[in-house]
Protein backbone atom coordinates (compact mmCIF):
# COMPACT_ATOMS: atom_id res chain seq x y z
CA MET A 1 179.25 -38.64 119.83
CA GLU A 2 176.70 -35.95 120.56
CA ILE A 3 173.03 -36.92 120.37
CA ARG A 4 170.77 -33.87 120.51
CA ASN A 5 167.49 -35.39 119.35
CA ILE A 6 166.03 -38.85 119.28
CA LEU A 7 163.18 -39.84 116.99
CA VAL A 8 160.96 -42.70 118.12
CA LYS A 9 158.60 -44.13 115.49
CA LEU A 10 155.49 -45.69 116.97
CA ASP A 11 152.92 -47.97 115.35
CA LEU A 12 149.66 -46.08 115.39
CA ASP A 13 147.48 -49.06 116.21
CA SER A 14 149.76 -50.57 118.86
CA PRO A 15 152.40 -48.16 120.20
CA SER A 16 155.05 -49.89 122.27
CA PRO A 17 155.41 -48.62 125.86
CA ALA A 18 158.78 -50.42 126.02
CA LEU A 19 160.05 -48.50 122.99
CA VAL A 20 158.93 -45.18 124.49
CA GLY A 21 160.60 -46.13 127.77
CA CYS A 22 163.83 -46.99 125.99
CA ALA A 23 163.73 -43.71 124.08
CA ALA A 24 163.11 -41.77 127.31
CA ASP A 25 166.05 -43.54 128.97
CA LEU A 26 168.33 -42.59 126.08
CA ALA A 27 167.04 -39.01 126.05
CA THR A 28 167.86 -38.73 129.75
CA ARG A 29 171.29 -40.29 129.28
CA TYR A 30 172.25 -37.93 126.45
CA GLY A 31 170.26 -34.85 127.46
CA ALA A 32 168.46 -35.11 124.13
CA GLU A 33 165.10 -33.93 122.92
CA LEU A 34 162.66 -36.76 122.23
CA ILE A 35 160.47 -36.68 119.13
CA GLY A 36 157.51 -39.06 119.11
CA PHE A 37 156.14 -39.90 115.67
CA ALA A 38 153.28 -41.88 114.18
CA ALA A 39 151.51 -41.71 110.84
CA SER A 40 148.90 -43.48 108.78
CA GLU A 41 146.80 -42.76 105.75
CA PRO A 42 143.46 -44.02 104.47
CA SER A 43 143.90 -47.05 102.27
CA ALA A 44 143.02 -46.72 98.62
CA MET A 45 139.62 -47.92 97.50
CA LEU A 46 138.51 -48.49 93.95
CA PHE A 47 134.93 -47.75 92.99
CA ALA A 48 133.03 -47.35 89.76
CA ALA A 49 131.88 -43.84 88.83
CA ASP A 50 128.54 -44.25 90.62
CA GLY A 51 130.35 -45.19 93.83
CA ALA A 52 132.26 -41.90 94.11
CA VAL A 53 130.06 -40.55 96.90
CA VAL A 54 130.52 -43.73 98.91
CA ALA A 55 134.28 -43.57 98.39
CA ALA A 56 134.46 -39.92 99.45
CA THR A 57 132.39 -40.62 102.57
CA TRP A 58 134.50 -43.65 103.45
CA HIS A 59 137.73 -41.67 102.92
CA ALA A 60 136.53 -38.86 105.21
CA GLN A 61 135.52 -41.35 107.91
CA GLU A 62 138.85 -43.15 107.67
CA ARG A 63 140.76 -39.86 107.90
CA THR A 64 138.76 -38.92 111.02
CA ARG A 65 139.55 -42.31 112.58
CA ILE A 66 143.26 -41.80 111.89
CA GLU A 67 143.22 -38.27 113.33
CA GLU A 68 141.54 -39.58 116.50
CA ALA A 69 144.09 -42.40 116.77
CA LEU A 70 146.91 -39.86 116.42
CA VAL A 71 145.50 -37.85 119.34
CA THR A 72 145.30 -41.03 121.44
CA ALA A 73 148.85 -42.00 120.46
CA GLU A 74 150.11 -38.53 121.40
CA GLN A 75 148.48 -38.80 124.82
CA GLY A 76 150.02 -42.24 125.35
CA PHE A 77 153.44 -40.97 124.29
CA THR A 78 153.45 -37.82 126.42
CA SER A 79 152.09 -39.64 129.48
CA ARG A 80 155.13 -41.98 129.43
CA ILE A 81 157.75 -39.23 129.26
CA PRO A 82 159.26 -38.36 132.65
CA ASP A 83 159.39 -34.74 133.75
CA GLY A 84 162.46 -32.90 132.61
CA ILE A 85 162.75 -34.51 129.18
CA LYS A 86 162.09 -32.07 126.38
CA HIS A 87 159.75 -33.74 123.92
CA VAL A 88 157.49 -33.04 120.96
CA TRP A 89 154.92 -35.05 119.09
CA ARG A 90 154.59 -35.34 115.33
CA GLY A 91 151.52 -37.17 114.08
CA TYR A 92 150.65 -37.07 110.40
CA VAL A 93 148.01 -38.33 108.04
CA THR A 94 150.46 -39.55 105.43
CA THR A 95 152.37 -42.68 104.55
CA PRO A 96 154.46 -43.65 107.59
CA ASN A 97 157.62 -44.05 105.52
CA SER A 98 157.32 -40.55 104.02
CA GLY A 99 156.77 -38.95 107.40
CA LEU A 100 159.62 -40.93 108.94
CA ALA A 101 162.01 -39.98 106.14
CA GLU A 102 161.18 -36.29 106.57
CA LEU A 103 161.80 -36.32 110.33
CA ALA A 104 164.84 -38.59 110.06
CA ARG A 105 166.75 -35.86 108.26
CA ARG A 106 166.70 -33.80 111.45
CA SER A 107 167.37 -36.59 113.94
CA ASP A 108 170.61 -37.90 115.40
CA LEU A 109 169.18 -41.26 116.48
CA ILE A 110 166.09 -43.11 115.29
CA LEU A 111 164.34 -45.85 117.25
CA VAL A 112 161.79 -48.07 115.55
CA GLY A 113 160.03 -51.18 116.69
CA SER A 114 157.44 -53.60 115.50
CA ALA A 115 154.21 -54.85 116.94
CA THR A 116 154.79 -58.16 115.13
CA GLY A 117 156.69 -59.63 118.07
CA GLN A 118 153.99 -58.52 120.49
CA ARG A 119 151.33 -60.24 118.38
CA ARG A 120 153.39 -63.43 118.42
CA GLY A 121 153.72 -63.33 122.19
CA ILE A 122 157.38 -62.32 122.24
CA PRO A 123 157.97 -60.19 125.34
CA PRO A 124 159.37 -56.68 124.77
CA ALA A 125 162.93 -55.92 125.76
CA SER A 126 163.25 -54.69 129.33
CA GLY A 127 165.64 -51.85 128.53
CA CYS A 128 167.85 -50.17 126.01
CA GLY A 129 171.16 -51.45 127.12
């Protein structure tokens, strides 16, 4: 089986260094390009007509926060990729599932993880196998 590109989906608020490490190991093993991905979107808020200005301001602030978090996530992703591995970053202000589905169509292997285990104190896996 030929694996030319590997997509790794990261949680924006708590990207997993172990998942990035596993993806980098696989990219090295298969000579594949690594695609780092994260996405988020402002949550919906409901306001009465006279609260429209507040909602617009909140939405703009939330979008800015997400864009800043995407830049931080990109830096964290690229800093963990060893030299010699071709890699790209895709960070979007959109629903994570929509962004993932779009990129998945062009990927041979997709790695996803969850921060849930980390929050429960479950240690991350030490490798990819």
